[in-house]
Amino acid sequence: MSTRQFYTTGMICLLFGVLIGCGHPRITGKVIFPDGTPLSKGQVVFENEKHTYTGKIREDGTFRMGVLKDGEGIPPGKYQVAVSGANDEEIFDPEQPPRVTPLIAARFRSPKTSGLEFDIQKSTTDISIVVEKP
């Protein structure tokens, strides 16, 4: 193997290693109530001093966090977490705004009051978030 081939092969391996190591952890999780039933709709928000990341809660309570798109992952670090969830009630009067019934206690709607904090590492993959009813 010539010096040039050795150098080229080394650079390709280094580049490949850097690309593999730079990905964000793909965070999935589930939002549940203390009795184990899932929160069936809403949004999870992970926030730190630099960024805010969101994930949509599905019917089974699961979510995937994303930087630019759902499930893409988020950078490692400490995050305060908020959860929102509400049902819209249909009102047949177009003059009236829709009523929103909260599905979870109000304190979970803000990262500052929720009491939820997670330290995301490269090895973090699955998170369980327990919320309370109003």
N, C-alpha and C. Protein backbone atom coordinates (compact mmCIF):
# COMPACT_ATOMS: atom_id res chain seq x y z
N MET A 1 0.86 -1.16 0.00
CA MET A 1 0.00 0.00 0.00
C MET A 1 0.91 1.23 0.00
N SER A 2 0.62 2.13 -0.92
CA SER A 2 1.42 3.35 -1.00
C SER A 2 1.03 4.32 0.11
N THR A 3 1.88 5.31 0.33
CA THR A 3 1.61 6.33 1.35
C THR A 3 0.33 7.08 1.03
N ARG A 4 0.12 7.36 -0.24
CA ARG A 4 -1.08 8.08 -0.64
C ARG A 4 -2.34 7.26 -0.36
N GLN A 5 -2.33 5.97 -0.69
CA GLN A 5 -3.48 5.11 -0.42
C GLN A 5 -3.72 5.00 1.08
N PHE A 6 -2.63 4.88 1.84
CA PHE A 6 -2.74 4.79 3.29
C PHE A 6 -3.40 6.06 3.85
N TYR A 7 -2.94 7.22 3.38
CA TYR A 7 -3.49 8.50 3.82
C TYR A 7 -4.97 8.61 3.45
N THR A 8 -5.33 8.26 2.22
CA THR A 8 -6.71 8.35 1.75
C THR A 8 -7.61 7.41 2.57
N THR A 9 -7.17 6.18 2.79
CA THR A 9 -7.94 5.23 3.58
C THR A 9 -8.13 5.74 5.01
N GLY A 10 -7.08 6.29 5.59
CA GLY A 10 -7.16 6.84 6.94
C GLY A 10 -8.14 7.99 7.04
N MET A 11 -8.12 8.87 6.05
CA MET A 11 -9.03 10.01 6.05
C MET A 11 -10.49 9.55 5.91
N ILE A 12 -10.73 8.56 5.08
CA ILE A 12 -12.09 8.03 4.91
C ILE A 12 -12.58 7.42 6.22
N CYS A 13 -11.74 6.65 6.90
CA CYS A 13 -12.11 6.05 8.18
C CYS A 13 -12.38 7.12 9.23
N LEU A 14 -11.54 8.16 9.27
CA LEU A 14 -11.72 9.24 10.22
C LEU A 14 -13.03 9.98 9.97
N LEU A 15 -13.30 10.29 8.71
CA LEU A 15 -14.53 10.98 8.35
C LEU A 15 -15.75 10.13 8.71
N PHE A 16 -15.70 8.85 8.42
CA PHE A 16 -16.80 7.95 8.74
C PHE A 16 -17.03 7.91 10.26
N GLY A 17 -15.98 7.83 11.03
CA GLY A 17 -16.08 7.81 12.49
C GLY A 17 -16.67 9.09 13.04
N VAL A 18 -16.28 10.21 12.49
CA VAL A 18 -16.82 11.50 12.93
C VAL A 18 -18.31 11.59 12.61
N LEU A 19 -18.70 11.17 11.43
CA LEU A 19 -20.11 11.23 11.05
C LEU A 19 -20.97 10.32 11.91
N ILE A 20 -20.50 9.15 12.22
CA ILE A 20 -21.26 8.22 13.05
C ILE A 20 -21.39 8.78 14.46
N GLY A 21 -20.34 9.35 15.00
CA GLY A 21 -20.33 9.83 16.38
C GLY A 21 -21.05 11.14 16.60
N CYS A 22 -21.40 11.87 15.56
CA CYS A 22 -21.98 13.20 15.72
C CYS A 22 -23.50 13.21 15.79
N GLY A 23 -24.13 12.07 15.60
CA GLY A 23 -25.58 12.05 15.61
C GLY A 23 -26.14 12.31 17.00
N HIS A 24 -27.34 12.83 17.04
CA HIS A 24 -28.01 13.08 18.30
C HIS A 24 -28.75 11.82 18.74
N PRO A 25 -28.86 11.60 20.05
CA PRO A 25 -29.63 10.44 20.51
C PRO A 25 -31.07 10.53 20.01
N ARG A 26 -31.56 9.42 19.52
CA ARG A 26 -32.95 9.36 19.07
C ARG A 26 -33.80 9.01 20.28
N ILE A 27 -34.49 10.00 20.80
CA ILE A 27 -35.25 9.85 22.03
C ILE A 27 -36.69 9.47 21.72
N THR A 28 -37.12 8.38 22.31
CA THR A 28 -38.52 7.99 22.26
C THR A 28 -39.00 7.87 23.70
N GLY A 29 -40.29 7.90 23.87
CA GLY A 29 -40.80 7.77 25.21
C GLY A 29 -42.29 7.60 25.23
N LYS A 30 -42.83 7.60 26.45
CA LYS A 30 -44.25 7.44 26.63
C LYS A 30 -44.69 8.33 27.79
N VAL A 31 -45.82 9.00 27.61
CA VAL A 31 -46.40 9.83 28.66
C VAL A 31 -47.58 9.06 29.23
N ILE A 32 -47.52 8.82 30.54
CA ILE A 32 -48.56 8.03 31.19
C ILE A 32 -49.04 8.71 32.48
N PHE A 33 -50.18 8.27 32.96
CA PHE A 33 -50.70 8.67 34.25
C PHE A 33 -50.21 7.64 35.28
N PRO A 34 -50.28 7.96 36.57
CA PRO A 34 -49.80 7.02 37.60
C PRO A 34 -50.41 5.61 37.51
N ASP A 35 -51.64 5.50 36.98
CA ASP A 35 -52.27 4.18 36.87
C ASP A 35 -51.81 3.40 35.63
N GLY A 36 -50.92 4.03 34.82
CA GLY A 36 -50.37 3.36 33.64
C GLY A 36 -51.08 3.66 32.35
N THR A 37 -52.22 4.34 32.39
CA THR A 37 -52.92 4.68 31.15
C THR A 37 -52.17 5.81 30.44
N PRO A 38 -52.15 5.77 29.10
CA PRO A 38 -51.39 6.79 28.36
C PRO A 38 -52.16 8.09 28.19
N LEU A 39 -51.40 9.19 28.11
CA LEU A 39 -51.96 10.47 27.66
C LEU A 39 -52.09 10.34 26.15
N SER A 40 -53.29 10.48 25.62
CA SER A 40 -53.55 10.12 24.22
C SER A 40 -53.34 11.23 23.20
N LYS A 41 -53.10 12.46 23.65
CA LYS A 41 -52.83 13.53 22.69
C LYS A 41 -52.11 14.65 23.41
N GLY A 42 -51.34 15.39 22.65
CA GLY A 42 -50.62 16.52 23.22
C GLY A 42 -49.22 16.64 22.64
N GLN A 43 -48.36 17.26 23.43
CA GLN A 43 -47.00 17.56 22.97
C GLN A 43 -46.06 17.52 24.17
N VAL A 44 -44.84 17.05 23.93
CA VAL A 44 -43.77 17.05 24.92
C VAL A 44 -42.76 18.09 24.47
N VAL A 45 -42.27 18.92 25.40
CA VAL A 45 -41.30 19.96 25.08
C VAL A 45 -40.08 19.77 25.98
N PHE A 46 -38.91 19.62 25.36
CA PHE A 46 -37.64 19.56 26.08
C PHE A 46 -36.96 20.90 25.85
N GLU A 47 -36.54 21.55 26.94
CA GLU A 47 -35.98 22.90 26.83
C GLU A 47 -34.74 23.02 27.71
N ASN A 48 -33.71 23.67 27.16
CA ASN A 48 -32.56 24.06 27.98
C ASN A 48 -32.24 25.51 27.66
N GLU A 49 -31.12 26.01 28.18
CA GLU A 49 -30.80 27.43 27.98
C GLU A 49 -30.53 27.79 26.52
N LYS A 50 -30.26 26.80 25.69
CA LYS A 50 -29.93 27.07 24.28
C LYS A 50 -31.07 26.77 23.30
N HIS A 51 -31.82 25.70 23.56
CA HIS A 51 -32.75 25.21 22.54
C HIS A 51 -34.05 24.69 23.15
N THR A 52 -35.04 24.54 22.27
CA THR A 52 -36.31 23.91 22.61
C THR A 52 -36.63 22.88 21.54
N TYR A 53 -36.99 21.67 21.98
CA TYR A 53 -37.31 20.57 21.07
C TYR A 53 -38.68 20.02 21.43
N THR A 54 -39.44 19.61 20.43
CA THR A 54 -40.79 19.13 20.67
C THR A 54 -41.03 17.75 20.06
N GLY A 55 -42.00 17.07 20.61
CA GLY A 55 -42.43 15.78 20.08
C GLY A 55 -43.93 15.64 20.26
N LYS A 56 -44.61 15.18 19.24
CA LYS A 56 -46.06 15.01 19.29
C LYS A 56 -46.39 13.70 20.01
N ILE A 57 -47.37 13.77 20.91
CA ILE A 57 -47.83 12.57 21.63
C ILE A 57 -48.89 11.88 20.77
N ARG A 58 -48.68 10.59 20.56
CA ARG A 58 -49.62 9.80 19.76
C ARG A 58 -50.70 9.19 20.67
N GLU A 59 -51.69 8.55 20.06
CA GLU A 59 -52.82 7.98 20.81
C GLU A 59 -52.40 7.00 21.90
N ASP A 60 -51.32 6.26 21.66
CA ASP A 60 -50.87 5.28 22.65
C ASP A 60 -49.93 5.89 23.70
N GLY A 61 -49.78 7.23 23.67
CA GLY A 61 -48.94 7.92 24.65
C GLY A 61 -47.48 8.05 24.25
N THR A 62 -47.09 7.45 23.14
CA THR A 62 -45.68 7.50 22.73
C THR A 62 -45.35 8.80 22.02
N PHE A 63 -44.07 9.15 22.05
CA PHE A 63 -43.57 10.32 21.34
C PHE A 63 -42.15 10.07 20.87
N ARG A 64 -41.71 10.84 19.90
CA ARG A 64 -40.32 10.83 19.41
C ARG A 64 -39.87 12.27 19.32
N MET A 65 -38.71 12.56 19.88
CA MET A 65 -38.20 13.92 19.87
C MET A 65 -37.45 14.18 18.57
N GLY A 66 -37.49 15.44 18.12
CA GLY A 66 -36.81 15.79 16.90
C GLY A 66 -36.24 17.18 16.93
N VAL A 67 -35.10 17.36 16.23
CA VAL A 67 -34.48 18.67 16.08
C VAL A 67 -35.19 19.41 14.96
N LEU A 68 -35.15 18.84 13.77
CA LEU A 68 -35.80 19.46 12.63
C LEU A 68 -37.04 18.70 12.20
N LYS A 69 -37.08 17.41 12.53
CA LYS A 69 -38.25 16.62 12.20
C LYS A 69 -38.45 15.56 13.28
N ASP A 70 -39.65 15.05 13.36
CA ASP A 70 -40.04 14.09 14.37
C ASP A 70 -39.12 12.88 14.36
N GLY A 71 -38.57 12.54 15.51
CA GLY A 71 -37.76 11.34 15.63
C GLY A 71 -36.30 11.51 15.26
N GLU A 72 -35.87 12.70 14.90
CA GLU A 72 -34.49 12.91 14.47
C GLU A 72 -33.50 12.86 15.63
N GLY A 73 -33.95 13.16 16.84
CA GLY A 73 -33.08 13.16 18.00
C GLY A 73 -32.80 14.56 18.51
N ILE A 74 -32.16 14.63 19.69
CA ILE A 74 -31.79 15.91 20.28
C ILE A 74 -30.38 15.81 20.84
N PRO A 75 -29.66 16.93 20.95
CA PRO A 75 -28.30 16.90 21.48
C PRO A 75 -28.28 16.51 22.96
N PRO A 76 -27.24 15.81 23.40
CA PRO A 76 -27.11 15.48 24.82
C PRO A 76 -27.10 16.75 25.67
N GLY A 77 -27.57 16.63 26.89
CA GLY A 77 -27.59 17.75 27.83
C GLY A 77 -28.73 17.62 28.81
N LYS A 78 -28.80 18.57 29.74
CA LYS A 78 -29.88 18.60 30.72
C LYS A 78 -31.04 19.41 30.17
N TYR A 79 -32.23 18.87 30.32
CA TYR A 79 -33.43 19.53 29.81
C TYR A 79 -34.53 19.57 30.87
N GLN A 80 -35.22 20.70 30.93
CA GLN A 80 -36.46 20.78 31.67
C GLN A 80 -37.56 20.42 30.69
N VAL A 81 -38.60 19.76 31.18
CA VAL A 81 -39.61 19.21 30.29
C VAL A 81 -41.01 19.71 30.65
N ALA A 82 -41.79 19.99 29.62
CA ALA A 82 -43.20 20.35 29.78
C ALA A 82 -44.03 19.39 28.94
N VAL A 83 -45.27 19.19 29.37
CA VAL A 83 -46.20 18.34 28.63
C VAL A 83 -47.52 19.09 28.53
N SER A 84 -48.09 19.10 27.33
CA SER A 84 -49.42 19.69 27.16
C SER A 84 -50.36 18.60 26.67
N GLY A 85 -51.61 18.73 27.04
CA GLY A 85 -52.62 17.79 26.59
C GLY A 85 -53.99 18.35 26.87
N ALA A 86 -54.84 18.41 25.85
CA ALA A 86 -56.19 18.95 26.04
C ALA A 86 -57.11 18.36 24.98
N ASN A 87 -58.38 18.23 25.36
CA ASN A 87 -59.43 17.82 24.43
C ASN A 87 -60.24 19.04 24.04
N ASP A 88 -60.50 19.18 22.75
CA ASP A 88 -61.40 20.25 22.28
C ASP A 88 -62.83 19.72 22.33
N GLU A 89 -63.71 20.47 22.92
CA GLU A 89 -65.13 20.11 22.94
C GLU A 89 -65.83 20.84 21.81
N GLU A 90 -66.63 20.11 21.08
CA GLU A 90 -67.36 20.74 19.99
C GLU A 90 -68.50 21.60 20.53
N ILE A 91 -68.60 22.78 19.99
CA ILE A 91 -69.71 23.68 20.32
C ILE A 91 -70.36 24.03 18.99
N PHE A 92 -71.64 23.90 18.94
CA PHE A 92 -72.34 24.11 17.67
C PHE A 92 -72.66 25.57 17.41
N ASP A 93 -72.25 26.45 18.28
CA ASP A 93 -72.47 27.88 18.11
C ASP A 93 -71.20 28.51 17.53
N PRO A 94 -71.21 28.93 16.25
CA PRO A 94 -70.01 29.50 15.64
C PRO A 94 -69.57 30.81 16.29
N GLU A 95 -70.44 31.43 17.08
CA GLU A 95 -70.10 32.67 17.76
C GLU A 95 -69.24 32.42 19.01
N GLN A 96 -69.22 31.18 19.49
CA GLN A 96 -68.50 30.83 20.71
C GLN A 96 -67.16 30.15 20.36
N PRO A 97 -66.11 30.50 21.09
CA PRO A 97 -64.84 29.80 20.85
C PRO A 97 -64.92 28.37 21.38
N PRO A 98 -64.14 27.46 20.83
CA PRO A 98 -64.19 26.08 21.34
C PRO A 98 -63.69 26.03 22.78
N ARG A 99 -64.29 25.16 23.56
CA ARG A 99 -63.84 24.95 24.94
C ARG A 99 -62.73 23.91 24.93
N VAL A 100 -61.74 24.14 25.76
CA VAL A 100 -60.64 23.20 25.85
C VAL A 100 -60.63 22.62 27.26
N THR A 101 -60.71 21.31 27.34
CA THR A 101 -60.69 20.63 28.62
C THR A 101 -59.29 20.08 28.85
N PRO A 102 -58.59 20.54 29.89
CA PRO A 102 -57.24 20.03 30.13
C PRO A 102 -57.27 18.56 30.53
N LEU A 103 -56.32 17.80 30.03
CA LEU A 103 -56.21 16.39 30.36
C LEU A 103 -55.21 16.14 31.47
N ILE A 104 -54.34 17.12 31.72
CA ILE A 104 -53.31 16.97 32.76
C ILE A 104 -53.29 18.19 33.67
N ALA A 105 -52.67 18.04 34.84
CA ALA A 105 -52.56 19.14 35.79
C ALA A 105 -51.81 20.31 35.15
N ALA A 106 -52.21 21.52 35.48
CA ALA A 106 -51.67 22.74 34.88
C ALA A 106 -50.16 22.88 35.07
N ARG A 107 -49.61 22.39 36.16
CA ARG A 107 -48.17 22.58 36.42
C ARG A 107 -47.28 21.94 35.36
N PHE A 108 -47.78 20.94 34.62
CA PHE A 108 -46.98 20.24 33.61
C PHE A 108 -46.83 21.05 32.33
N ARG A 109 -47.61 22.12 32.17
CA ARG A 109 -47.58 22.90 30.93
C ARG A 109 -46.36 23.79 30.77
N SER A 110 -45.57 23.96 31.82
CA SER A 110 -44.38 24.81 31.75
C SER A 110 -43.16 24.02 32.23
N PRO A 111 -42.02 24.14 31.51
CA PRO A 111 -40.80 23.46 31.97
C PRO A 111 -40.35 23.95 33.35
N LYS A 112 -40.71 25.17 33.69
CA LYS A 112 -40.28 25.74 34.96
C LYS A 112 -41.08 25.23 36.16
N THR A 113 -42.32 24.78 35.93
CA THR A 113 -43.17 24.33 37.03
C THR A 113 -43.47 22.83 37.01
N SER A 114 -43.09 22.14 35.95
CA SER A 114 -43.46 20.72 35.82
C SER A 114 -42.75 19.81 36.81
N GLY A 115 -41.54 20.20 37.21
CA GLY A 115 -40.75 19.32 38.06
C GLY A 115 -40.10 18.17 37.28
N LEU A 116 -40.21 18.21 35.96
CA LEU A 116 -39.65 17.16 35.11
C LEU A 116 -38.31 17.62 34.54
N GLU A 117 -37.27 16.85 34.75
CA GLU A 117 -35.95 17.17 34.21
C GLU A 117 -35.25 15.87 33.81
N PHE A 118 -34.62 15.89 32.65
CA PHE A 118 -33.90 14.71 32.16
C PHE A 118 -32.52 15.11 31.70
N ASP A 119 -31.55 14.26 31.98
CA ASP A 119 -30.18 14.45 31.52
C ASP A 119 -29.97 13.48 30.36
N ILE A 120 -30.05 13.99 29.15
CA ILE A 120 -29.94 13.17 27.95
C ILE A 120 -28.47 12.91 27.64
N GLN A 121 -28.12 11.64 27.49
CA GLN A 121 -26.78 11.22 27.11
C GLN A 121 -26.86 10.54 25.74
N LYS A 122 -25.70 10.29 25.13
CA LYS A 122 -25.70 9.62 23.83
C LYS A 122 -26.35 8.24 23.92
N SER A 123 -26.30 7.63 25.10
CA SER A 123 -26.87 6.30 25.28
C SER A 123 -28.35 6.33 25.65
N THR A 124 -28.93 7.51 25.91
CA THR A 124 -30.34 7.62 26.28
C THR A 124 -31.21 7.33 25.06
N THR A 125 -32.20 6.46 25.23
CA THR A 125 -33.09 6.16 24.11
C THR A 125 -34.56 6.24 24.49
N ASP A 126 -34.92 5.76 25.66
CA ASP A 126 -36.33 5.67 26.02
C ASP A 126 -36.60 6.35 27.36
N ILE A 127 -37.65 7.18 27.38
CA ILE A 127 -37.98 7.96 28.56
C ILE A 127 -39.45 7.74 28.91
N SER A 128 -39.72 7.60 30.18
CA SER A 128 -41.10 7.49 30.64
C SER A 128 -41.41 8.75 31.45
N ILE A 129 -42.51 9.42 31.09
CA ILE A 129 -42.92 10.64 31.77
C ILE A 129 -44.28 10.37 32.42
N VAL A 130 -44.35 10.59 33.72
CA VAL A 130 -45.60 10.38 34.46
C VAL A 130 -46.20 11.75 34.77
N VAL A 131 -47.45 11.94 34.36
CA VAL A 131 -48.17 13.19 34.62
C VAL A 131 -49.42 12.88 35.44
N GLU A 132 -50.00 13.93 36.02
CA GLU A 132 -51.20 13.76 36.85
C GLU A 132 -52.39 14.42 36.18
N LYS A 133 -53.56 13.92 36.48
CA LYS A 133 -54.79 14.51 35.95
C LYS A 133 -55.11 15.79 36.71
N PRO A 134 -55.91 16.70 36.09
CA PRO A 134 -56.24 17.97 36.77
C PRO A 134 -57.10 17.74 38.01
